[in-house]
Amino acid sequence: MKYPERFSNLPAHAWPRLRALLDVHEGGGPLIAMTIGEPKHAFPAWVSDVIAQNAAGFNSYPPNDGSAELRTAIAGWVQRRYGVPVDADSQVMALNGTREGLYNAVIALVPEMKNGQKPAVLMPNPFYQVYMIAAISGACDPVMVNATAETGHLPDFHSVDVETLDRTAAVYICSPANPQGAVASRSYWEDLIRLAEKHDFLIFADECYSEIYRHDPPVGALQAAHDMGADLNRVVIFHSLSKRSNLPGLRSGFVASGPDTMREIKQLRNYAGAPLPLPLQAAAAAVWRDEAHVQENRALYAEKFDMADRILGNVPGYASPEAGFFLWLPVEDDEEAAVRLWRETGVKVLPGGYLAQEVPGQKNPGKTYIRAALVAPKEETERGLQAIRDCLYAV
């Protein structure tokens, strides 16, 4: 049987590559995992109680769009957080984790042709790999736009040639950025929205790290569009409880946009959706309504940000992240640094090049970085940071 080569020719995914790189070596100490961004802080204790209280809901098929309670809780959060009034019925849809929405956005919203050509989907480089596979699945050209220190670790979409912009159907942008922790300012969003209006493309704003910040709350894409009077149908935002509330296993996220855009997204969901079970939707609604645990979580990360600055602040090229929970640390060679760190200390990090691709004529923008996640408890994180300093940056 012959299979299409649409996906077989893709570069190896980051995690199999990491296992192949490190598993052939013996670790140099007790494992300290700083690779995957899986939150390890405690989630609210009452979440389990809400699920148990609503367990009878497992006996019913959940609604595709999300329960009225959950959509109302999400709409209320968007209003409180961004000052944007959204209609719970027509502008919000619950997701089974944000990856579902980020992947399906291209299939639901991107046309087969753009100005008589194959559509392009722009994305930052480094990038969350679902962006690329979504573009390929939607029969589009994924176009990587390097996000480097020179561009403030955010992609400069104005650097893309006009011919490509004219066939661009959508742009993925992550703010706060994974892996660099850079935050799109209000002016960045406004500039991107004006570019989207000029070339008629959609903005897919991955804002999963929006609630883990050090100082000021990051401005959101829908917030910027609302405040400048832009068409909300052009901006699609994606959020999750995974990072905000330490609930990656709950698989609760949402997508919000203007009603016309949401109509198309919901139509695909009717056929291909995997809605969250009702007891989990009840828990998610309660979590979206509560901010106390989010503030506590943010304070824990702030302590680890400060710890990283203290331990690594003198490293040449070190950049203290504005938000998120990753460090994007400069090295000469990402794989060599990751292997050395594992063999000598037992600390596992992710080579930065595994999160990026080579753009023709340019080097892989992640090749001279490693990504370290600050998700473990404070004491373990401190041991990991000190090991990184002593192994890779000792003078």
Protein backbone atom coordinates (compact mmCIF):
# COMPACT_ATOMS: atom_id res chain seq x y z
CA MET A 1 0.00 0.00 0.00
CA LYS A 2 1.38 3.40 -0.98
CA TYR A 3 1.03 6.24 1.50
CA PRO A 4 1.23 9.96 0.70
CA GLU A 5 4.57 11.58 1.47
CA ARG A 6 2.98 14.69 2.94
CA PHE A 7 4.27 13.95 6.45
CA SER A 8 6.91 11.24 5.99
CA ASN A 9 9.46 13.73 4.70
CA LEU A 10 9.11 16.08 7.65
CA PRO A 11 12.10 16.63 9.93
CA ALA A 12 12.08 14.37 12.98
CA HIS A 13 10.03 15.71 15.86
CA ALA A 14 11.92 17.31 18.74
CA TRP A 15 11.29 14.62 21.34
CA PRO A 16 12.37 11.55 19.32
CA ARG A 17 15.44 13.53 18.27
CA LEU A 18 16.22 14.35 21.89
CA ARG A 19 15.89 10.71 22.97
CA ALA A 20 18.16 9.60 20.14
CA LEU A 21 20.70 12.24 21.13
CA LEU A 22 20.81 11.62 24.89
CA ASP A 23 19.69 8.04 25.55
CA VAL A 24 22.95 6.58 24.23
CA HIS A 25 24.79 8.34 27.06
CA GLU A 26 24.81 7.76 30.81
CA GLY A 27 23.59 10.68 32.87
CA GLY A 28 26.16 12.28 35.14
CA GLY A 29 23.89 12.61 38.15
CA PRO A 30 20.29 12.36 39.34
CA LEU A 31 17.95 13.35 36.52
CA ILE A 32 16.82 16.97 36.48
CA ALA A 33 14.38 17.32 33.59
CA MET A 34 14.27 20.82 32.12
CA THR A 35 13.16 19.81 28.64
CA ILE A 36 9.38 19.73 28.26
CA GLY A 37 7.20 22.65 29.34
CA GLU A 38 4.91 20.56 31.55
CA PRO A 39 3.93 22.59 34.64
CA LYS A 40 4.69 20.89 37.94
CA HIS A 41 3.18 23.41 40.37
CA ALA A 42 0.06 22.21 42.17
CA PHE A 43 -3.27 22.87 40.50
CA PRO A 44 -6.17 24.13 42.67
CA ALA A 45 -7.12 21.40 45.14
CA TRP A 46 -10.83 21.98 44.62
CA VAL A 47 -10.67 20.97 40.95
CA SER A 48 -11.02 17.30 41.89
CA ASP A 49 -14.07 18.09 44.01
CA VAL A 50 -15.79 19.88 41.13
CA ILE A 51 -15.16 16.92 38.82
CA ALA A 52 -16.54 14.48 41.41
CA GLN A 53 -19.60 16.63 42.05
CA ASN A 54 -20.39 16.63 38.34
CA ALA A 55 -19.46 13.01 37.63
CA ALA A 56 -22.99 12.23 36.40
CA GLY A 57 -22.08 14.24 33.31
CA PHE A 58 -19.93 11.35 32.10
CA ASN A 59 -23.24 9.72 31.19
CA SER A 60 -23.96 12.37 28.52
CA TYR A 61 -22.40 13.47 25.26
CA PRO A 62 -20.86 16.93 25.79
CA PRO A 63 -21.87 19.81 23.49
CA ASN A 64 -19.40 20.50 20.70
CA ASP A 65 -19.00 24.20 21.41
CA GLY A 66 -18.64 23.79 25.17
CA SER A 67 -21.31 24.05 27.83
CA ALA A 68 -23.06 27.38 28.34
CA GLU A 69 -21.45 27.57 31.78
CA LEU A 70 -17.95 27.12 30.40
CA ARG A 71 -18.39 29.53 27.49
CA THR A 72 -19.84 32.14 29.84
CA ALA A 73 -16.90 31.70 32.22
CA ILE A 74 -14.44 32.10 29.34
CA ALA A 75 -16.21 35.19 27.98
CA GLY A 76 -16.15 36.70 31.46
CA TRP A 77 -12.42 36.05 31.74
CA VAL A 78 -11.71 37.67 28.38
CA GLN A 79 -13.70 40.73 29.48
CA ARG A 80 -11.87 41.00 32.82
CA ARG A 81 -8.42 40.26 31.42
CA TYR A 82 -8.50 42.26 28.18
CA GLY A 83 -11.48 44.58 28.46
CA VAL A 84 -12.99 43.02 25.33
CA PRO A 85 -16.69 42.13 25.42
CA VAL A 86 -17.24 38.85 23.59
CA ASP A 87 -20.49 36.98 23.13
CA ALA A 88 -20.38 33.57 24.79
CA ASP A 89 -22.65 32.05 22.16
CA SER A 90 -21.16 33.41 18.94
CA GLN A 91 -17.54 34.33 19.70
CA VAL A 92 -16.18 31.61 21.99
CA MET A 93 -15.65 27.87 21.58
CA ALA A 94 -14.13 25.45 24.06
CA LEU A 95 -11.24 23.31 22.84
CA ASN A 96 -9.83 19.96 23.85
CA GLY A 97 -6.49 21.62 24.46
CA THR A 98 -5.26 24.53 22.38
CA ARG A 99 -3.27 22.34 20.03
CA GLU A 100 -6.58 21.14 18.56
CA GLY A 101 -7.61 24.68 17.72
CA LEU A 102 -4.21 25.76 16.44
CA TYR A 103 -4.10 22.76 14.12
CA ASN A 104 -7.67 23.02 12.82
CA ALA A 105 -7.55 26.78 12.25
CA VAL A 106 -5.88 26.41 8.85
CA ILE A 107 -8.28 23.71 7.70
CA ALA A 108 -11.33 25.69 8.83
CA LEU A 109 -10.33 29.17 7.72
CA VAL A 110 -7.74 29.17 4.94
CA PRO A 111 -9.02 29.10 1.33
CA GLU A 112 -7.69 26.69 -1.27
CA MET A 113 -6.19 29.56 -3.26
CA LYS A 114 -5.10 33.09 -2.37
CA ASN A 115 -4.90 35.56 -5.26
CA GLY A 116 -4.74 32.64 -7.66
CA GLN A 117 -1.80 31.01 -5.87
CA LYS A 118 -1.13 28.36 -3.26
CA PRO A 119 -1.66 30.04 0.13
CA ALA A 120 1.26 30.75 2.42
CA VAL A 121 1.08 30.51 6.22
CA LEU A 122 3.74 32.52 8.03
CA MET A 123 5.11 31.53 11.41
CA PRO A 124 7.96 32.44 13.76
CA ASN A 125 11.21 30.50 13.66
CA PRO A 126 11.76 28.94 16.26
CA PHE A 127 8.15 27.77 16.40
CA TYR A 128 5.65 25.41 17.98
CA GLN A 129 5.70 22.53 15.53
CA VAL A 130 1.91 22.24 15.22
CA TYR A 131 1.99 25.49 13.20
CA MET A 132 4.01 23.85 10.46
CA ILE A 133 2.02 20.63 10.35
CA ALA A 134 -1.24 22.61 10.30
CA ALA A 135 -0.07 24.54 7.24
CA ILE A 136 1.01 21.36 5.47
CA SER A 137 -2.26 19.61 6.35
CA GLY A 138 -4.15 22.54 4.88
CA ALA A 139 -2.20 22.29 1.60
CA CYS A 140 -0.41 25.59 2.31
CA ASP A 141 3.25 26.59 2.18
CA PRO A 142 4.68 27.04 5.71
CA VAL A 143 6.97 30.07 5.61
CA MET A 144 9.41 30.49 8.52
CA VAL A 145 10.24 34.02 9.62
CA ASN A 146 13.28 34.12 11.88
CA ALA A 147 12.78 35.53 15.37
CA THR A 148 16.25 36.36 16.67
CA ALA A 149 17.89 38.67 19.17
CA GLU A 150 18.20 41.23 16.37
CA THR A 151 14.39 41.27 15.93
CA GLY A 152 13.64 41.25 19.66
CA HIS A 153 12.93 37.49 19.46
CA LEU A 154 9.68 38.20 17.63
CA PRO A 155 9.28 37.69 13.87
CA ASP A 156 9.53 40.75 11.65
CA PHE A 157 6.77 39.99 9.16
CA HIS A 158 7.56 43.20 7.28
CA SER A 159 10.77 41.49 6.18
CA VAL A 160 8.75 39.04 4.07
CA ASP A 161 8.69 39.88 0.37
CA VAL A 162 5.52 41.43 -1.05
CA GLU A 163 4.83 38.51 -3.38
CA THR A 164 4.68 36.13 -0.42
CA LEU A 165 2.62 38.54 1.67
CA ASP A 166 0.08 38.82 -1.14
CA ARG A 167 -0.51 35.07 -1.05
CA THR A 168 -0.36 34.84 2.74
CA ALA A 169 -3.65 33.57 4.17
CA ALA A 170 -2.69 33.42 7.84
CA VAL A 171 0.08 34.20 10.29
CA TYR A 172 0.87 32.26 13.47
CA ILE A 173 2.37 34.31 16.27
CA CYS A 174 3.10 33.22 19.85
CA SER A 175 3.17 35.88 22.56
CA PRO A 176 4.60 35.44 25.13
CA ALA A 177 6.95 33.59 22.82
CA ASN A 178 7.98 29.99 23.19
CA PRO A 179 10.92 29.55 23.65
CA GLN A 180 12.34 33.06 24.08
CA GLY A 181 9.81 34.63 26.46
CA ALA A 182 9.50 37.83 24.38
CA VAL A 183 6.19 39.71 24.56
CA ALA A 184 4.47 41.47 21.68
CA SER A 185 3.81 45.09 22.62
CA ARG A 186 0.62 46.94 21.77
CA SER A 187 2.43 48.67 18.91
CA TYR A 188 3.66 45.30 17.59
CA TRP A 189 0.10 43.96 17.52
CA GLU A 190 -1.26 47.11 15.91
CA ASP A 191 1.45 47.03 13.26
CA LEU A 192 0.75 43.36 12.52
CA ILE A 193 -3.00 43.99 12.29
CA ARG A 194 -2.44 46.83 9.82
CA LEU A 195 -0.20 44.53 7.76
CA ALA A 196 -2.92 41.87 7.84
CA GLU A 197 -5.50 44.39 6.66
CA LYS A 198 -3.24 45.51 3.83
CA HIS A 199 -2.55 41.99 2.57
CA ASP A 200 -5.82 40.42 3.74
CA PHE A 201 -4.65 37.61 6.00
CA LEU A 202 -5.74 36.20 9.37
CA ILE A 203 -3.77 36.36 12.62
CA PHE A 204 -3.66 33.19 14.73
CA ALA A 205 -2.47 34.40 18.15
CA ASP A 206 -1.18 31.63 20.39
CA GLU A 207 -1.37 33.23 23.85
CA CYS A 208 -1.02 30.14 26.04
CA TYR A 209 1.66 31.75 28.23
CA SER A 210 -0.20 35.02 28.73
CA GLU A 211 -0.67 34.63 32.48
CA ILE A 212 2.95 33.84 33.37
CA TYR A 213 4.64 37.20 33.33
CA ARG A 214 7.00 39.16 35.53
CA HIS A 215 5.68 42.71 35.55
CA ASP A 216 2.88 44.01 33.34
CA PRO A 217 0.19 41.73 31.88
CA PRO A 218 0.94 41.18 28.18
CA VAL A 219 -1.36 42.96 25.74
CA GLY A 220 -3.48 40.51 23.79
CA ALA A 221 -4.11 40.39 20.05
CA LEU A 222 -7.90 40.65 20.37
CA GLN A 223 -7.44 43.46 22.87
CA ALA A 224 -5.31 45.43 20.42
CA ALA A 225 -7.77 44.81 17.58
CA HIS A 226 -10.71 45.88 19.72
CA ASP A 227 -9.00 49.04 20.96
CA MET A 228 -7.99 50.14 17.45
CA GLY A 229 -11.42 49.39 16.00
CA ALA A 230 -10.22 46.59 13.73
CA ASP A 231 -12.42 43.74 12.53
CA LEU A 232 -12.30 41.06 15.25
CA ASN A 233 -12.94 38.39 12.62
CA ARG A 234 -9.36 38.90 11.43
CA VAL A 235 -7.82 37.98 14.79
CA VAL A 236 -8.18 34.51 16.33
CA ILE A 237 -6.87 33.96 19.86
CA PHE A 238 -6.06 30.65 21.55
CA HIS A 239 -5.77 30.17 25.32
CA SER A 240 -5.35 27.27 27.69
CA LEU A 241 -5.52 26.25 31.35
CA SER A 242 -2.37 24.13 30.95
CA LYS A 243 0.13 26.85 31.89
CA ARG A 244 -2.17 29.38 33.57
CA SER A 245 -3.55 26.87 36.08
CA ASN A 246 -1.08 23.94 35.97
CA LEU A 247 -3.69 21.69 34.36
CA PRO A 248 -2.13 20.28 31.17
CA GLY A 249 -3.98 17.00 31.68
CA LEU A 250 -7.39 18.65 31.85
CA ARG A 251 -7.09 19.51 28.14
CA SER A 252 -9.13 22.67 28.44
CA GLY A 253 -8.55 25.58 26.09
CA PHE A 254 -10.57 27.95 24.00
CA VAL A 255 -10.61 29.88 20.76
CA ALA A 256 -12.24 33.29 20.36
CA SER A 257 -12.69 35.66 17.43
CA GLY A 258 -15.39 37.55 15.59
CA PRO A 259 -18.70 35.74 14.96
CA ASP A 260 -18.11 35.14 11.23
CA THR A 261 -14.76 33.49 11.85
CA MET A 262 -16.13 31.46 14.73
CA ARG A 263 -18.98 30.21 12.55
CA GLU A 264 -16.47 28.54 10.24
CA ILE A 265 -14.46 27.09 13.13
CA LYS A 266 -17.60 25.65 14.72
CA GLN A 267 -18.71 24.12 11.44
CA LEU A 268 -15.51 22.05 11.26
CA ARG A 269 -15.87 21.17 14.96
CA ASN A 270 -19.33 19.75 14.27
CA TYR A 271 -17.73 17.09 12.08
CA ALA A 272 -14.26 16.61 13.53
CA GLY A 273 -14.42 17.80 17.14
CA ALA A 274 -13.53 15.95 20.32
CA PRO A 275 -15.32 17.96 23.03
CA LEU A 276 -14.28 17.88 26.66
CA PRO A 277 -16.38 15.65 28.96
CA LEU A 278 -18.98 17.59 30.94
CA PRO A 279 -17.43 17.02 34.40
CA LEU A 280 -14.16 18.44 33.08
CA GLN A 281 -16.00 21.36 31.51
CA ALA A 282 -17.54 22.13 34.91
CA ALA A 283 -14.09 22.13 36.48
CA ALA A 284 -12.68 24.31 33.69
CA ALA A 285 -15.49 26.84 34.17
CA ALA A 286 -14.65 27.11 37.86
CA VAL A 287 -10.95 27.49 37.10
CA TRP A 288 -11.50 30.26 34.53
CA ARG A 289 -13.55 32.16 37.12
CA ASP A 290 -10.80 32.03 39.76
CA GLU A 291 -7.72 34.29 39.78
CA ALA A 292 -6.28 33.63 43.23
CA HIS A 293 -4.50 30.45 42.18
CA VAL A 294 -3.16 32.19 39.05
CA GLN A 295 -1.56 34.91 41.16
CA GLU A 296 0.02 32.31 43.43
CA ASN A 297 1.34 30.41 40.42
CA ARG A 298 2.77 33.56 38.89
CA ALA A 299 4.56 34.38 42.16
CA LEU A 300 6.24 30.97 42.15
CA TYR A 301 7.56 31.56 38.65
CA ALA A 302 8.69 35.06 39.59
CA GLU A 303 10.90 33.56 42.29
CA LYS A 304 12.47 31.23 39.72
CA PHE A 305 12.94 34.08 37.23
CA ASP A 306 14.84 35.99 39.92
CA MET A 307 16.84 32.88 40.75
CA ALA A 308 17.83 32.45 37.10
CA ASP A 309 18.91 36.09 36.91
CA ARG A 310 21.05 35.64 40.02
CA ILE A 311 22.70 32.42 38.86
CA LEU A 312 23.05 33.13 35.14
CA GLY A 313 22.83 36.90 34.92
CA ASN A 314 26.57 37.30 34.25
CA VAL A 315 26.56 34.85 31.33
CA PRO A 316 27.37 36.74 28.11
CA GLY A 317 24.26 36.90 25.97
CA TYR A 318 21.90 35.90 28.76
CA ALA A 319 18.46 37.51 28.31
CA SER A 320 16.09 37.59 31.24
CA PRO A 321 12.67 36.57 29.82
CA GLU A 322 9.69 38.88 30.09
CA ALA A 323 7.21 36.03 30.39
CA GLY A 324 6.61 32.32 29.90
CA PHE A 325 8.68 29.80 31.82
CA PHE A 326 11.61 29.02 29.53
CA LEU A 327 15.20 30.19 29.42
CA TRP A 328 16.71 30.60 25.95
CA LEU A 329 20.39 30.23 26.75
CA PRO A 330 23.24 30.99 24.32
CA VAL A 331 25.75 28.21 23.53
CA GLU A 332 28.20 27.51 20.73
CA ASP A 333 26.46 24.31 19.61
CA ASP A 334 23.07 23.20 20.93
CA GLU A 335 23.47 19.43 20.64
CA GLU A 336 27.00 19.44 21.97
CA ALA A 337 25.92 21.52 24.97
CA ALA A 338 22.91 19.28 25.68
CA VAL A 339 25.01 16.10 25.56
CA ARG A 340 27.73 17.58 27.75
CA LEU A 341 25.23 18.81 30.30
CA TRP A 342 23.51 15.42 30.49
CA ARG A 343 26.72 13.39 30.68
CA GLU A 344 28.38 15.60 33.31
CA THR A 345 25.43 16.68 35.48
CA GLY A 346 22.27 14.68 34.76
CA VAL A 347 20.43 17.79 33.59
CA LYS A 348 18.35 17.42 30.42
CA VAL A 349 17.61 20.45 28.24
CA LEU A 350 16.32 20.78 24.69
CA PRO A 351 18.68 21.78 21.85
CA GLY A 352 17.29 24.99 20.39
CA GLY A 353 17.74 23.84 16.82
CA TYR A 354 15.08 21.19 17.39
CA LEU A 355 12.50 23.98 17.66
CA ALA A 356 13.51 25.71 14.44
CA GLN A 357 14.36 25.11 10.80
CA GLU A 358 16.93 26.45 8.42
CA VAL A 359 15.65 29.24 6.20
CA PRO A 360 17.30 29.27 2.75
CA GLY A 361 20.46 31.33 2.95
CA GLN A 362 20.34 31.52 6.76
CA LYS A 363 21.43 29.32 9.63
CA ASN A 364 19.01 27.57 11.93
CA PRO A 365 18.20 30.35 14.45
CA GLY A 366 18.02 27.91 17.34
CA LYS A 367 21.32 26.16 16.73
CA THR A 368 23.23 28.38 19.16
CA TYR A 369 20.72 28.07 22.01
CA ILE A 370 19.38 25.54 24.48
CA ARG A 371 15.93 25.75 26.04
CA ALA A 372 15.56 25.11 29.77
CA ALA A 373 12.11 24.91 31.34
CA LEU A 374 11.62 26.37 34.83
CA VAL A 375 8.67 24.13 35.66
CA ALA A 376 10.08 21.92 38.42
CA PRO A 377 9.88 22.82 42.13
CA LYS A 378 12.13 25.68 43.23
CA GLU A 379 14.85 23.57 44.84
CA GLU A 380 15.18 21.26 41.84
CA THR A 381 15.16 24.20 39.45
CA GLU A 382 17.94 25.86 41.44
CA ARG A 383 20.10 22.72 41.27
CA GLY A 384 19.52 22.55 37.54
CA LEU A 385 20.43 26.20 36.98
CA GLN A 386 23.60 25.90 39.03
CA ALA A 387 24.59 22.78 37.09
CA ILE A 388 24.05 24.62 33.81
CA ARG A 389 26.20 27.51 34.99
CA ASP A 390 29.00 25.32 36.32
CA CYS A 391 29.05 22.97 33.34
CA LEU A 392 28.55 25.33 30.41
CA TYR A 393 29.57 28.78 31.58
CA ALA A 394 32.29 28.32 34.20
CA VAL A 395 35.18 30.71 33.59
